[in-house]
N, C-alpha and C. Protein backbone atom coordinates (compact mmCIF):
# COMPACT_ATOMS: atom_id res chain seq x y z
N UNK A 1 0.39 -1.25 0.19
CA UNK A 1 -0.21 -0.08 0.01
C UNK A 1 1.35 1.19 0.02
N UNK A 2 0.39 2.24 -0.96
CA UNK A 2 0.70 3.21 -1.03
C UNK A 2 0.73 4.52 0.27
N UNK A 3 1.09 5.46 0.55
CA UNK A 3 0.63 6.86 0.89
C UNK A 3 -0.66 6.96 0.62
N UNK A 4 -0.82 7.08 -0.34
CA UNK A 4 -1.99 7.97 -0.43
C UNK A 4 -3.46 6.68 -0.43
N UNK A 5 -2.93 5.40 -0.63
CA UNK A 5 -3.88 4.53 -0.36
C UNK A 5 -4.30 4.58 1.19
N UNK A 6 -3.11 4.31 1.69
CA UNK A 6 -2.72 4.39 3.21
C UNK A 6 -4.12 5.84 3.90
N UNK A 7 -3.96 6.96 3.62
CA UNK A 7 -4.50 7.97 3.56
C UNK A 7 -5.84 8.57 3.82
N UNK A 8 -6.32 7.84 2.46
CA UNK A 8 -7.73 7.69 1.76
C UNK A 8 -7.87 6.41 2.61
N UNK A 9 -7.71 5.50 3.05
CA UNK A 9 -8.08 4.95 4.44
C UNK A 9 -8.56 5.31 5.56
N UNK A 10 -7.81 5.87 6.17
CA UNK A 10 -7.34 6.65 7.24
C UNK A 10 -8.37 7.73 7.15
N UNK A 11 -8.46 8.75 6.52
CA UNK A 11 -9.52 9.54 6.16
C UNK A 11 -10.74 8.92 5.95
N UNK A 12 -10.89 7.71 5.44
CA UNK A 12 -12.65 6.82 5.79
C UNK A 12 -13.39 6.35 7.39
N UNK A 13 -11.93 6.45 7.78
CA UNK A 13 -12.51 5.67 8.88
C UNK A 13 -12.43 6.49 10.58
N UNK A 14 -11.83 7.41 10.15
CA UNK A 14 -11.70 9.02 10.78
C UNK A 14 -13.22 9.92 10.71
N UNK A 15 -14.06 9.68 9.97
CA UNK A 15 -15.23 9.85 8.70
C UNK A 15 -16.67 8.96 9.18
N UNK A 16 -16.16 7.92 9.34
CA UNK A 16 -17.28 7.01 10.03
C UNK A 16 -17.14 7.06 11.41
N UNK A 17 -16.51 7.79 11.86
CA UNK A 17 -16.16 7.22 13.55
C UNK A 17 -16.78 8.80 13.70
N UNK A 18 -16.80 8.97 13.50
CA UNK A 18 -17.50 10.63 13.86
C UNK A 18 -18.90 10.88 13.45
N UNK A 19 -19.40 9.88 12.38
CA UNK A 19 -20.07 9.67 11.75
C UNK A 19 -21.01 8.74 12.95
N UNK A 20 -20.36 8.16 13.54
CA UNK A 20 -21.60 6.95 14.64
C UNK A 20 -21.47 7.78 15.72
N UNK A 21 -20.23 8.75 16.09
CA UNK A 21 -20.34 9.23 17.15
C UNK A 21 -21.79 10.56 17.17
N UNK A 22 -21.89 10.84 16.45
CA UNK A 22 -22.95 11.77 16.07
C UNK A 22 -24.46 11.08 16.02
N UNK A 23 -24.04 10.56 15.41
CA UNK A 23 -25.46 8.87 15.43
C UNK A 23 -25.53 8.65 16.49
N UNK A 24 -25.12 8.48 17.25
CA UNK A 24 -25.29 7.59 18.82
C UNK A 24 -25.74 8.79 19.89
N UNK A 25 -25.08 10.41 19.57
CA UNK A 25 -26.01 11.03 20.44
C UNK A 25 -26.95 11.57 19.67
N UNK A 26 -27.40 11.29 18.40
CA UNK A 26 -28.93 11.63 18.76
C UNK A 26 -29.48 10.39 18.23
N UNK A 27 -29.52 8.93 18.69
CA UNK A 27 -30.04 8.00 19.16
C UNK A 27 -30.00 8.64 20.96
N UNK A 28 -29.54 8.93 21.65
CA UNK A 28 -29.98 9.04 23.22
C UNK A 28 -30.77 10.31 22.74
N UNK A 29 -30.32 10.62 22.35
CA UNK A 29 -30.91 12.19 23.25
C UNK A 29 -32.73 12.27 21.99
N UNK A 30 -33.35 11.73 21.51
CA UNK A 30 -34.18 11.40 21.08
C UNK A 30 -35.36 11.64 22.28
N UNK A 31 -34.51 10.35 23.33
CA UNK A 31 -35.26 10.26 24.40
C UNK A 31 -35.96 11.58 25.03
N UNK A 32 -34.28 12.18 25.50
CA UNK A 32 -35.24 13.74 26.33
C UNK A 32 -36.13 14.98 25.28
N UNK A 33 -36.12 14.48 23.90
CA UNK A 33 -36.36 15.72 23.45
C UNK A 33 -38.06 15.54 23.58
N UNK A 34 -38.09 13.48 23.24
CA UNK A 34 -39.40 13.11 23.92
C UNK A 34 -39.93 13.88 24.94
N UNK A 35 -38.95 13.60 26.23
CA UNK A 35 -39.18 14.11 27.62
C UNK A 35 -39.85 15.30 26.95
N UNK A 36 -39.04 16.53 26.77
CA UNK A 36 -39.23 16.97 27.03
C UNK A 36 -40.54 17.83 25.54
N UNK A 37 -41.26 17.35 24.83
CA UNK A 37 -41.96 17.80 24.04
C UNK A 37 -43.09 17.82 25.19
N UNK A 38 -43.35 16.75 26.15
CA UNK A 38 -44.22 16.60 27.10
C UNK A 38 -44.14 17.07 28.34
N UNK A 39 -42.98 17.85 28.02
CA UNK A 39 -43.07 19.61 29.34
C UNK A 39 -42.35 17.99 30.49
N UNK A 40 -42.24 17.43 30.09
CA UNK A 40 -41.11 16.46 31.67
C UNK A 40 -39.32 16.62 31.70
N UNK A 41 -39.08 17.61 31.93
CA UNK A 41 -37.83 18.04 32.32
C UNK A 41 -37.75 17.02 33.87
N UNK A 42 -37.63 16.41 34.25
CA UNK A 42 -37.40 15.13 35.52
C UNK A 42 -36.04 14.90 34.97
N UNK A 43 -35.74 14.65 33.90
CA UNK A 43 -34.53 13.69 33.49
C UNK A 43 -33.13 15.03 33.70
N UNK A 44 -33.40 16.09 33.81
CA UNK A 44 -32.20 16.70 34.26
C UNK A 44 -32.04 16.87 35.29
N UNK A 45 -32.72 16.18 36.77
CA UNK A 45 -32.40 16.52 37.59
C UNK A 45 -31.24 14.61 37.91
N UNK A 46 -31.28 13.95 37.04
CA UNK A 46 -30.69 12.41 37.62
C UNK A 46 -29.45 12.75 37.84
N UNK A 47 -28.78 12.66 37.95
CA UNK A 47 -27.17 12.85 38.14
C UNK A 47 -26.07 12.02 36.86
N UNK A 48 -27.62 10.55 36.53
CA UNK A 48 -26.49 10.18 35.98
C UNK A 48 -26.50 10.54 34.52
N UNK A 49 -27.82 11.51 33.85
CA UNK A 49 -27.85 12.42 33.02
C UNK A 49 -26.17 13.88 33.03
N UNK A 50 -26.69 13.95 34.15
CA UNK A 50 -25.56 15.41 34.03
C UNK A 50 -24.12 14.86 34.02
N UNK A 51 -23.54 13.81 34.13
CA UNK A 51 -22.66 13.18 33.74
C UNK A 51 -22.42 12.54 32.77
N UNK A 52 -23.54 12.10 32.15
CA UNK A 52 -23.08 10.62 30.55
C UNK A 52 -23.58 11.31 29.44
N UNK A 53 -24.59 12.41 29.57
CA UNK A 53 -25.51 12.89 28.23
C UNK A 53 -25.19 14.63 28.53
N UNK A 54 -24.69 15.36 29.36
CA UNK A 54 -24.66 16.79 29.00
C UNK A 54 -24.02 16.70 27.51
N UNK A 55 -22.84 16.27 26.23
CA UNK A 55 -22.77 17.26 25.58
C UNK A 55 -23.44 17.11 24.74
N UNK A 56 -24.93 15.98 24.38
CA UNK A 56 -26.10 16.63 24.20
C UNK A 56 -26.46 17.94 24.03
N UNK A 57 -26.76 18.79 25.33
CA UNK A 57 -26.83 20.11 25.16
C UNK A 57 -25.55 21.40 23.96
């Protein structure tokens, strides 16, 4: 493999990683968006939400 092929492969892997990361955030946030739409903000007081999902906002 030459450098050009390797660079292309690395770029593709990085892009896929970023897409997977953002897809995961979207999947997690759906649950909270549904609660917000129902005017339920109780999740916000959860320590777990604060420590694990704060990056969503």
